[in-house]
C-alpha atoms as a PDB file:
ATOM      1  CA  UNK A   1      30.279 -47.434  -5.293  1.00  0.00           C
ATOM      2  CA  UNK A   2      27.195 -46.757  -3.437  1.00  0.00           C
ATOM      3  CA  UNK A   3      25.110 -47.323  -6.342  1.00  0.00           C
ATOM      4  CA  UNK A   4      26.396 -51.213  -6.949  1.00  0.00           C
ATOM      5  CA  UNK A   5      25.757 -51.861  -3.194  1.00  0.00           C
ATOM      6  CA  UNK A   6      22.127 -50.440  -3.183  1.00  0.00           C
ATOM      7  CA  UNK A   7      21.741 -52.616  -6.680  1.00  0.00           C
ATOM      8  CA  UNK A   8      22.796 -55.740  -4.694  1.00  0.00           C
ATOM      9  CA  UNK A   9      20.886 -55.289  -1.948  1.00  0.00           C
ATOM     10  CA  UNK A  10      17.603 -54.932  -4.199  1.00  0.00           C
ATOM     11  CA  UNK A  11      18.664 -58.154  -5.958  1.00  0.00           C
ATOM     12  CA  UNK A  12      19.039 -59.937  -2.660  1.00  0.00           C
ATOM     13  CA  UNK A  13      15.485 -58.563  -1.141  1.00  0.00           C
ATOM     14  CA  UNK A  14      13.776 -59.883  -4.483  1.00  0.00           C
ATOM     15  CA  UNK A  15      15.584 -63.451  -4.662  1.00  0.00           C
ATOM     16  CA  UNK A  16      14.695 -63.475  -0.820  1.00  0.00           C
ATOM     17  CA  UNK A  17      11.175 -62.751  -1.567  1.00  0.00           C
ATOM     18  CA  UNK A  18      11.270 -65.093  -4.538  1.00  0.00           C
ATOM     19  CA  UNK A  19      11.975 -68.189  -2.429  1.00  0.00           C
ATOM     20  CA  UNK A  20      10.250 -67.349   0.909  1.00  0.00           C
ATOM     21  CA  UNK A  21       7.103 -65.941   2.199  1.00  0.00           C
ATOM     22  CA  UNK A  22       7.898 -62.676   3.813  1.00  0.00           C
ATOM     23  CA  UNK A  23       5.002 -63.154   6.388  1.00  0.00           C
ATOM     24  CA  UNK A  24       7.164 -65.966   7.705  1.00  0.00           C
ATOM     25  CA  UNK A  25      10.695 -64.721   7.978  1.00  0.00           C
ATOM     26  CA  UNK A  26       9.371 -61.096   9.459  1.00  0.00           C
ATOM     27  CA  UNK A  27       6.941 -62.513  11.902  1.00  0.00           C
ATOM     28  CA  UNK A  28       9.172 -62.570  14.828  1.00  0.00           C
ATOM     29  CA  UNK A  29       9.889 -58.468  14.002  1.00  0.00           C
ATOM     30  CA  UNK A  30       6.288 -57.768  13.636  1.00  0.00           C
ATOM     31  CA  UNK A  31       5.439 -59.867  16.775  1.00  0.00           C
ATOM     32  CA  UNK A  32       7.815 -58.221  19.041  1.00  0.00           C
ATOM     33  CA  UNK A  33       6.969 -54.691  17.477  1.00  0.00           C
ATOM     34  CA  UNK A  34       3.352 -55.317  17.961  1.00  0.00           C
ATOM     35  CA  UNK A  35       3.428 -56.242  21.353  1.00  0.00           C
ATOM     36  CA  UNK A  36       4.757 -52.596  22.151  1.00  0.00           C
ATOM     37  CA  UNK A  37       1.113 -52.033  21.962  1.00  0.00           C
ATOM     38  CA  UNK A  38      -0.778 -54.851  23.620  1.00  0.00           C
ATOM     39  CA  UNK A  39      -2.251 -53.861  27.433  1.00  0.00           C
ATOM     40  CA  UNK A  40      -1.104 -55.663  30.161  1.00  0.00           C
ATOM     41  CA  UNK A  41      -4.369 -55.955  31.978  1.00  0.00           C
ATOM     42  CA  UNK A  42      -4.924 -59.739  32.583  1.00  0.00           C
ATOM     43  CA  UNK A  43      -8.487 -58.901  33.107  1.00  0.00           C
ATOM     44  CA  UNK A  44      -9.112 -58.291  29.035  1.00  0.00           C
ATOM     45  CA  UNK A  45     -10.408 -60.817  26.744  1.00  0.00           C
ATOM     46  CA  UNK A  46      -8.088 -61.644  24.016  1.00  0.00           C
ATOM     47  CA  UNK A  47      -9.972 -59.904  21.304  1.00  0.00           C
ATOM     48  CA  UNK A  48     -10.278 -56.977  23.368  1.00  0.00           C
ATOM     49  CA  UNK A  49      -6.506 -56.954  23.966  1.00  0.00           C
ATOM     50  CA  UNK A  50      -6.303 -57.199  20.336  1.00  0.00           C
ATOM     51  CA  UNK A  51      -8.748 -54.317  19.729  1.00  0.00           C
ATOM     52  CA  UNK A  52      -7.036 -51.770  21.947  1.00  0.00           C
ATOM     53  CA  UNK A  53      -3.872 -52.566  20.532  1.00  0.00           C
ATOM     54  CA  UNK A  54      -4.755 -51.902  16.757  1.00  0.00           C
ATOM     55  CA  UNK A  55      -5.892 -48.563  18.259  1.00  0.00           C
ATOM     56  CA  UNK A  56      -3.024 -47.602  20.226  1.00  0.00           C
ATOM     57  CA  UNK A  57      -0.820 -48.479  16.950  1.00  0.00           C
ATOM     58  CA  UNK A  58      -2.996 -46.382  14.648  1.00  0.00           C
ATOM     59  CA  UNK A  59      -2.540 -43.450  17.454  1.00  0.00           C
ATOM     60  CA  UNK A  60       1.186 -44.137  17.214  1.00  0.00           C
ATOM     61  CA  UNK A  61       1.182 -43.852  13.514  1.00  0.00           C
ATOM     62  CA  UNK A  62      -0.919 -40.831  13.213  1.00  0.00           C
ATOM     63  CA  UNK A  63       1.470 -39.124  16.093  1.00  0.00           C
ATOM     64  CA  UNK A  64       4.423 -39.839  13.782  1.00  0.00           C
ATOM     65  CA  UNK A  65       2.848 -38.544  10.597  1.00  0.00           C
ATOM     66  CA  UNK A  66       1.820 -35.434  12.565  1.00  0.00           C
ATOM     67  CA  UNK A  67       5.210 -34.782  13.665  1.00  0.00           C
ATOM     68  CA  UNK A  68       6.242 -35.418  10.262  1.00  0.00           C
ATOM     69  CA  UNK A  69       4.132 -32.843   8.471  1.00  0.00           C
ATOM     70  CA  UNK A  70       4.630 -30.450  11.179  1.00  0.00           C
ATOM     71  CA  UNK A  71       8.323 -30.850  10.208  1.00  0.00           C
ATOM     72  CA  UNK A  72       7.810 -30.738   6.980  1.00  0.00           C
ATOM     73  CA  UNK A  73       5.987 -27.249   7.296  1.00  0.00           C
ATOM     74  CA  UNK A  74       9.039 -25.826   9.622  1.00  0.00           C
ATOM     75  CA  UNK A  75      11.029 -26.773   6.605  1.00  0.00           C
ATOM     76  CA  UNK A  76       9.340 -25.392   3.725  1.00  0.00           C
ATOM     77  CA  UNK A  77       8.596 -21.956   5.846  1.00  0.00           C
ATOM     78  CA  UNK A  78      12.438 -22.075   6.626  1.00  0.00           C
ATOM     79  CA  UNK A  79      13.201 -22.165   3.057  1.00  0.00           C
ATOM     80  CA  UNK A  80      10.620 -19.750   1.593  1.00  0.00           C
ATOM     81  CA  UNK A  81      11.600 -17.049   4.080  1.00  0.00           C
ATOM     82  CA  UNK A  82      15.309 -17.755   3.292  1.00  0.00           C
ATOM     83  CA  UNK A  83      14.526 -16.640  -0.349  1.00  0.00           C
END
């Protein structure tokens, strides 16, 4: 049954992408997510705020990647020790 739901979901996703622009229907979610990284300093120019937000987003993604890699290494080490 899970396979049926997964396939139906994929079909729906492809139909949505075939009939609408993904940038259009995800713009509100992307804007809200990116707003988390905008500095609140009103003295900054819009360009500088954008530059800092992009840098903060990259740092956030790198932190997530680092945590994930660290977890994978620990899991692999535990599995190796168990053998």
